[in-house]
Amino acid sequence: SYTSQFCFPHYYRSMGSMNRLSLLLLPALLVVSTFFTLNSVGDLPESVATHFNANGVADGWTNRDHYRSFIVLFLVGLPLLLVWVMAGLPRHTNGRGQIPNCEYWFAQERRHTTESFLIGHACWLGCLTVAVVYGMHISILRANAMTPPVLATDRFITMLVVYLCGLVWWTATFLRHFQKVDKNN
């Protein structure tokens, strides 16, 4: 709580409790998943199966050091990039091309509330993304524990469907929030 209040003090105070939760949860997920990922990469063989055909049979490999670098970059970099694109970029463009009804939502009297919503909602997207990337790592870890490596495609597809459902929820909530326009202003 202190870190979020320190880094985003003016946003933190005006956020709803669910968006405050996302602002706390994202850094926690990033730290915990990175820790567990780095601790488990040593369990992988020197040649890591990272690509699998439709039947789950490995058909692409990389070495463990390259995998470690890639998965950490993907685990941390992708969620942070998405948060920046969804919350940081609209601040610089006043939402043009990204936010429906941007003139209304970035008007001086609503700008702060809009930016608070964006950072909180973008952090939820970051949380979803951390979860799916960590899930991919766990799937690769389990696949490489077998000889020959075989991906549990049913679990992998289920994970991706759950992520896509999360994206549908996230997008619907985003669009619903920004469709509200006070006709008196």
C-alpha atoms as a PDB file:
ATOM      1  CA  SER A   1       0.000   0.000   0.000  1.00  0.00           C
ATOM      2  CA  TYR A   2       2.801   2.404   0.895  1.00  0.00           C
ATOM      3  CA  THR A   3       4.611   1.803  -2.426  1.00  0.00           C
ATOM      4  CA  SER A   4       1.491   2.476  -4.484  1.00  0.00           C
ATOM      5  CA  GLN A   5       0.695   5.569  -2.438  1.00  0.00           C
ATOM      6  CA  PHE A   6       4.279   6.769  -2.841  1.00  0.00           C
ATOM      7  CA  CYS A   7       4.500   6.143  -6.612  1.00  0.00           C
ATOM      8  CA  PHE A   8       0.972   7.255  -7.555  1.00  0.00           C
ATOM      9  CA  PRO A   9      -0.213   9.387  -4.595  1.00  0.00           C
ATOM     10  CA  HIS A  10      -2.781  11.519  -6.413  1.00  0.00           C
ATOM     11  CA  TYR A  11      -4.176   8.535  -8.334  1.00  0.00           C
ATOM     12  CA  TYR A  12      -4.250   6.246  -5.323  1.00  0.00           C
ATOM     13  CA  ARG A  13      -6.475   8.543  -3.255  1.00  0.00           C
ATOM     14  CA  SER A  14      -9.091   8.955  -5.986  1.00  0.00           C
ATOM     15  CA  MET A  15      -9.259   5.315  -7.131  1.00  0.00           C
ATOM     16  CA  GLY A  16     -12.034   2.914  -6.272  1.00  0.00           C
ATOM     17  CA  SER A  17     -11.118  -0.025  -4.055  1.00  0.00           C
ATOM     18  CA  MET A  18     -10.990  -2.509  -6.969  1.00  0.00           C
ATOM     19  CA  ASN A  19      -8.614  -0.316  -8.948  1.00  0.00           C
ATOM     20  CA  ARG A  20      -6.494   0.254  -5.820  1.00  0.00           C
ATOM     21  CA  LEU A  21      -6.309  -3.506  -5.462  1.00  0.00           C
ATOM     22  CA  SER A  22      -5.003  -3.849  -9.033  1.00  0.00           C
ATOM     23  CA  LEU A  23      -2.334  -1.241  -8.329  1.00  0.00           C
ATOM     24  CA  LEU A  24      -1.130  -3.350  -5.391  1.00  0.00           C
ATOM     25  CA  LEU A  25      -1.623  -6.730  -7.031  1.00  0.00           C
ATOM     26  CA  LEU A  26       0.338  -6.098 -10.240  1.00  0.00           C
ATOM     27  CA  PRO A  27       3.731  -5.388  -8.613  1.00  0.00           C
ATOM     28  CA  ALA A  28       3.177  -8.278  -6.184  1.00  0.00           C
ATOM     29  CA  LEU A  29       2.410 -10.675  -9.039  1.00  0.00           C
ATOM     30  CA  LEU A  30       5.418  -9.432 -11.002  1.00  0.00           C
ATOM     31  CA  VAL A  31       7.780  -9.990  -8.079  1.00  0.00           C
ATOM     32  CA  VAL A  32       6.381 -13.368  -6.999  1.00  0.00           C
ATOM     33  CA  SER A  33       6.070 -14.841 -10.497  1.00  0.00           C
ATOM     34  CA  THR A  34       9.558 -13.628 -11.465  1.00  0.00           C
ATOM     35  CA  PHE A  35      10.989 -15.151  -8.280  1.00  0.00           C
ATOM     36  CA  PHE A  36       9.307 -18.523  -8.892  1.00  0.00           C
ATOM     37  CA  THR A  37      10.197 -18.477 -12.577  1.00  0.00           C
ATOM     38  CA  LEU A  38      13.871 -17.790 -11.949  1.00  0.00           C
ATOM     39  CA  ASN A  39      13.956 -20.471  -9.243  1.00  0.00           C
ATOM     40  CA  SER A  40      12.408 -23.081 -11.526  1.00  0.00           C
ATOM     41  CA  VAL A  41      14.400 -22.434 -14.728  1.00  0.00           C
ATOM     42  CA  GLY A  42      17.265 -24.473 -13.267  1.00  0.00           C
ATOM     43  CA  ASP A  43      14.977 -27.527 -13.319  1.00  0.00           C
ATOM     44  CA  LEU A  44      14.829 -27.353 -17.127  1.00  0.00           C
ATOM     45  CA  PRO A  45      17.222 -29.354 -19.294  1.00  0.00           C
ATOM     46  CA  GLU A  46      20.054 -27.532 -21.054  1.00  0.00           C
ATOM     47  CA  SER A  47      18.067 -27.767 -24.309  1.00  0.00           C
ATOM     48  CA  VAL A  48      14.531 -26.538 -23.563  1.00  0.00           C
ATOM     49  CA  ALA A  49      11.564 -27.504 -25.732  1.00  0.00           C
ATOM     50  CA  THR A  50       9.699 -24.227 -26.274  1.00  0.00           C
ATOM     51  CA  HIS A  51       7.527 -24.904 -29.307  1.00  0.00           C
ATOM     52  CA  PHE A  52       5.067 -27.738 -29.728  1.00  0.00           C
ATOM     53  CA  ASN A  53       2.943 -28.974 -32.620  1.00  0.00           C
ATOM     54  CA  ALA A  54      -0.851 -29.412 -32.466  1.00  0.00           C
ATOM     55  CA  ASN A  55      -0.404 -32.818 -30.827  1.00  0.00           C
ATOM     56  CA  GLY A  56       1.794 -31.358 -28.080  1.00  0.00           C
ATOM     57  CA  VAL A  57       5.015 -32.889 -29.425  1.00  0.00           C
ATOM     58  CA  ALA A  58       8.081 -30.660 -29.164  1.00  0.00           C
ATOM     59  CA  ASP A  59       9.330 -29.268 -32.468  1.00  0.00           C
ATOM     60  CA  GLY A  60      11.401 -26.246 -31.396  1.00  0.00           C
ATOM     61  CA  TRP A  61      14.146 -25.816 -28.781  1.00  0.00           C
ATOM     62  CA  THR A  62      16.357 -23.163 -27.259  1.00  0.00           C
ATOM     63  CA  ASN A  63      19.082 -23.290 -24.640  1.00  0.00           C
ATOM     64  CA  ARG A  64      18.208 -22.710 -20.986  1.00  0.00           C
ATOM     65  CA  ASP A  65      20.012 -19.343 -20.727  1.00  0.00           C
ATOM     66  CA  HIS A  66      18.138 -17.934 -23.718  1.00  0.00           C
ATOM     67  CA  TYR A  67      14.869 -19.266 -22.316  1.00  0.00           C
ATOM     68  CA  ARG A  68      15.573 -17.641 -18.918  1.00  0.00           C
ATOM     69  CA  SER A  69      16.183 -14.261 -20.551  1.00  0.00           C
ATOM     70  CA  PHE A  70      13.177 -14.538 -22.836  1.00  0.00           C
ATOM     71  CA  ILE A  71      10.676 -15.678 -20.194  1.00  0.00           C
ATOM     72  CA  VAL A  72      11.679 -12.971 -17.704  1.00  0.00           C
ATOM     73  CA  LEU A  73      11.519 -10.299 -20.406  1.00  0.00           C
ATOM     74  CA  PHE A  74       8.135 -11.615 -21.521  1.00  0.00           C
ATOM     75  CA  LEU A  75       6.864 -12.034 -17.932  1.00  0.00           C
ATOM     76  CA  VAL A  76       7.805  -8.511 -16.838  1.00  0.00           C
ATOM     77  CA  GLY A  77       8.094  -6.550 -20.084  1.00  0.00           C
ATOM     78  CA  LEU A  78       4.812  -7.460 -21.783  1.00  0.00           C
ATOM     79  CA  PRO A  79       2.531  -6.585 -18.832  1.00  0.00           C
ATOM     80  CA  LEU A  80       4.392  -3.329 -18.197  1.00  0.00           C
ATOM     81  CA  LEU A  81       4.214  -2.420 -21.888  1.00  0.00           C
ATOM     82  CA  LEU A  82       0.466  -3.065 -21.895  1.00  0.00           C
ATOM     83  CA  VAL A  83      -0.005  -0.931 -18.774  1.00  0.00           C
ATOM     84  CA  TRP A  84       1.965   1.897 -20.365  1.00  0.00           C
ATOM     85  CA  VAL A  85       0.033   1.688 -23.651  1.00  0.00           C
ATOM     86  CA  MET A  86      -3.342   1.617 -21.878  1.00  0.00           C
ATOM     87  CA  ALA A  87      -2.640   4.109 -19.069  1.00  0.00           C
ATOM     88  CA  GLY A  88       0.457   6.136 -19.922  1.00  0.00           C
ATOM     89  CA  LEU A  89       0.025   6.788 -23.620  1.00  0.00           C
ATOM     90  CA  PRO A  90      -3.509   8.233 -23.349  1.00  0.00           C
ATOM     91  CA  ARG A  91      -2.172  10.840 -20.888  1.00  0.00           C
ATOM     92  CA  HIS A  92       0.157  12.134 -23.608  1.00  0.00           C
ATOM     93  CA  THR A  93      -2.389  12.017 -26.429  1.00  0.00           C
ATOM     94  CA  ASN A  94      -5.421  13.137 -24.386  1.00  0.00           C
ATOM     95  CA  GLY A  95      -6.915   9.776 -25.313  1.00  0.00           C
ATOM     96  CA  ARG A  96      -7.151  10.503 -29.041  1.00  0.00           C
ATOM     97  CA  GLY A  97      -7.353   7.225 -30.944  1.00  0.00           C
ATOM     98  CA  GLN A  98      -7.566   5.189 -27.744  1.00  0.00           C
ATOM     99  CA  ILE A  99     -10.460   6.411 -25.604  1.00  0.00           C
ATOM    100  CA  PRO A 100     -14.041   6.723 -26.858  1.00  0.00           C
ATOM    101  CA  ASN A 101     -15.433  10.238 -26.308  1.00  0.00           C
ATOM    102  CA  CYS A 102     -11.919  11.423 -25.407  1.00  0.00           C
ATOM    103  CA  GLU A 103     -12.806  15.137 -25.519  1.00  0.00           C
ATOM    104  CA  TYR A 104     -15.378  14.555 -22.798  1.00  0.00           C
ATOM    105  CA  TRP A 105     -13.227  12.235 -20.662  1.00  0.00           C
ATOM    106  CA  PHE A 106     -10.054  14.320 -20.886  1.00  0.00           C
ATOM    107  CA  ALA A 107     -11.789  17.635 -20.178  1.00  0.00           C
ATOM    108  CA  GLN A 108     -10.037  19.382 -17.288  1.00  0.00           C
ATOM    109  CA  GLU A 109     -12.778  18.562 -14.747  1.00  0.00           C
ATOM    110  CA  ARG A 110     -12.698  14.803 -15.537  1.00  0.00           C
ATOM    111  CA  ARG A 111      -9.077  14.268 -16.532  1.00  0.00           C
ATOM    112  CA  HIS A 112      -7.827  13.185 -13.115  1.00  0.00           C
ATOM    113  CA  THR A 113     -10.662  10.674 -12.625  1.00  0.00           C
ATOM    114  CA  THR A 114     -10.131   9.341 -16.146  1.00  0.00           C
ATOM    115  CA  GLU A 115      -6.393   8.877 -15.569  1.00  0.00           C
ATOM    116  CA  SER A 116      -7.094   7.137 -12.236  1.00  0.00           C
ATOM    117  CA  PHE A 117      -9.478   4.719 -13.937  1.00  0.00           C
ATOM    118  CA  LEU A 118      -6.978   4.059 -16.734  1.00  0.00           C
ATOM    119  CA  ILE A 119      -4.070   3.202 -14.422  1.00  0.00           C
ATOM    120  CA  GLY A 120      -6.220   0.899 -12.287  1.00  0.00           C
ATOM    121  CA  HIS A 121      -7.877  -0.805 -15.230  1.00  0.00           C
ATOM    122  CA  ALA A 122      -4.564  -1.157 -17.088  1.00  0.00           C
ATOM    123  CA  CYS A 123      -3.091  -2.845 -14.022  1.00  0.00           C
ATOM    124  CA  TRP A 124      -5.866  -5.464 -14.229  1.00  0.00           C
ATOM    125  CA  LEU A 125      -4.778  -6.149 -17.807  1.00  0.00           C
ATOM    126  CA  GLY A 126      -1.211  -6.444 -16.534  1.00  0.00           C
ATOM    127  CA  CYS A 127      -2.332  -8.932 -13.864  1.00  0.00           C
ATOM    128  CA  LEU A 128      -4.122 -11.075 -16.441  1.00  0.00           C
ATOM    129  CA  THR A 129      -1.055 -11.029 -18.664  1.00  0.00           C
ATOM    130  CA  VAL A 130       1.364 -11.930 -15.864  1.00  0.00           C
ATOM    131  CA  ALA A 131      -0.875 -14.874 -14.986  1.00  0.00           C
ATOM    132  CA  VAL A 132      -1.000 -16.237 -18.543  1.00  0.00           C
ATOM    133  CA  VAL A 133       2.736 -15.817 -19.157  1.00  0.00           C
ATOM    134  CA  TYR A 134       3.524 -17.536 -15.860  1.00  0.00           C
ATOM    135  CA  GLY A 135       1.042 -20.266 -16.843  1.00  0.00           C
ATOM    136  CA  MET A 136       2.923 -20.706 -20.125  1.00  0.00           C
ATOM    137  CA  HIS A 137       6.157 -21.097 -18.179  1.00  0.00           C
ATOM    138  CA  ILE A 138       4.592 -23.747 -15.931  1.00  0.00           C
ATOM    139  CA  SER A 139       3.302 -25.577 -19.039  1.00  0.00           C
ATOM    140  CA  ILE A 140       6.790 -25.547 -20.583  1.00  0.00           C
ATOM    141  CA  LEU A 141       8.332 -26.647 -17.291  1.00  0.00           C
ATOM    142  CA  ARG A 142       5.935 -29.626 -17.055  1.00  0.00           C
ATOM    143  CA  ALA A 143       6.376 -30.539 -20.713  1.00  0.00           C
ATOM    144  CA  ASN A 144      10.163 -30.608 -20.334  1.00  0.00           C
ATOM    145  CA  ALA A 145       9.906 -32.859 -17.277  1.00  0.00           C
ATOM    146  CA  MET A 146       8.893 -35.681 -19.662  1.00  0.00           C
ATOM    147  CA  THR A 147      11.047 -37.584 -22.100  1.00  0.00           C
ATOM    148  CA  PRO A 148      10.411 -36.733 -24.863  1.00  0.00           C
ATOM    149  CA  PRO A 149       8.878 -33.329 -23.990  1.00  0.00           C
ATOM    150  CA  VAL A 150       5.101 -33.226 -24.535  1.00  0.00           C
ATOM    151  CA  LEU A 151       2.855 -30.239 -23.879  1.00  0.00           C
ATOM    152  CA  ALA A 152      -0.517 -30.863 -22.204  1.00  0.00           C
ATOM    153  CA  THR A 153      -2.423 -29.111 -24.989  1.00  0.00           C
ATOM    154  CA  ASP A 154      -5.795 -29.402 -23.247  1.00  0.00           C
ATOM    155  CA  ARG A 155      -4.496 -27.461 -20.220  1.00  0.00           C
ATOM    156  CA  PHE A 156      -2.695 -24.990 -22.435  1.00  0.00           C
ATOM    157  CA  ILE A 157      -5.815 -24.308 -24.514  1.00  0.00           C
ATOM    158  CA  THR A 158      -7.934 -23.978 -21.356  1.00  0.00           C
ATOM    159  CA  MET A 159      -5.476 -21.413 -20.005  1.00  0.00           C
ATOM    160  CA  LEU A 160      -5.640 -19.425 -23.242  1.00  0.00           C
ATOM    161  CA  VAL A 161      -9.464 -19.546 -23.278  1.00  0.00           C
ATOM    162  CA  VAL A 162      -9.566 -18.259 -19.693  1.00  0.00           C
ATOM    163  CA  TYR A 163      -7.172 -15.441 -20.694  1.00  0.00           C
ATOM    164  CA  LEU A 164      -9.331 -14.561 -23.704  1.00  0.00           C
ATOM    165  CA  CYS A 165     -12.421 -14.496 -21.462  1.00  0.00           C
ATOM    166  CA  GLY A 166     -10.517 -12.145 -19.168  1.00  0.00           C
ATOM    167  CA  LEU A 167      -9.694  -9.931 -22.149  1.00  0.00           C
ATOM    168  CA  VAL A 168     -13.373  -9.862 -23.142  1.00  0.00           C
ATOM    169  CA  TRP A 169     -14.298  -8.818 -19.580  1.00  0.00           C
ATOM    170  CA  TRP A 170     -11.529  -6.207 -19.545  1.00  0.00           C
ATOM    171  CA  THR A 171     -12.531  -4.746 -22.924  1.00  0.00           C
ATOM    172  CA  ALA A 172     -16.263  -4.716 -22.112  1.00  0.00           C
ATOM    173  CA  THR A 173     -15.610  -2.957 -18.808  1.00  0.00           C
ATOM    174  CA  PHE A 174     -13.332  -0.442 -20.522  1.00  0.00           C
ATOM    175  CA  LEU A 175     -15.823   0.356 -23.279  1.00  0.00           C
ATOM    176  CA  ARG A 176     -18.781   0.455 -20.888  1.00  0.00           C
ATOM    177  CA  HIS A 177     -16.936   2.919 -18.647  1.00  0.00           C
ATOM    178  CA  PHE A 178     -16.085   5.270 -21.490  1.00  0.00           C
ATOM    179  CA  GLN A 179     -19.528   5.161 -23.119  1.00  0.00           C
ATOM    180  CA  LYS A 180     -21.006   7.030 -20.179  1.00  0.00           C
ATOM    181  CA  VAL A 181     -21.292  10.622 -21.326  1.00  0.00           C
ATOM    182  CA  ASP A 182     -23.213  13.265 -19.423  1.00  0.00           C
ATOM    183  CA  LYS A 183     -25.397  14.862 -22.086  1.00  0.00           C
ATOM    184  CA  ASN A 184     -25.585  18.122 -20.066  1.00  0.00           C
ATOM    185  CA  ASN A 185     -21.869  18.872 -20.585  1.00  0.00           C
END
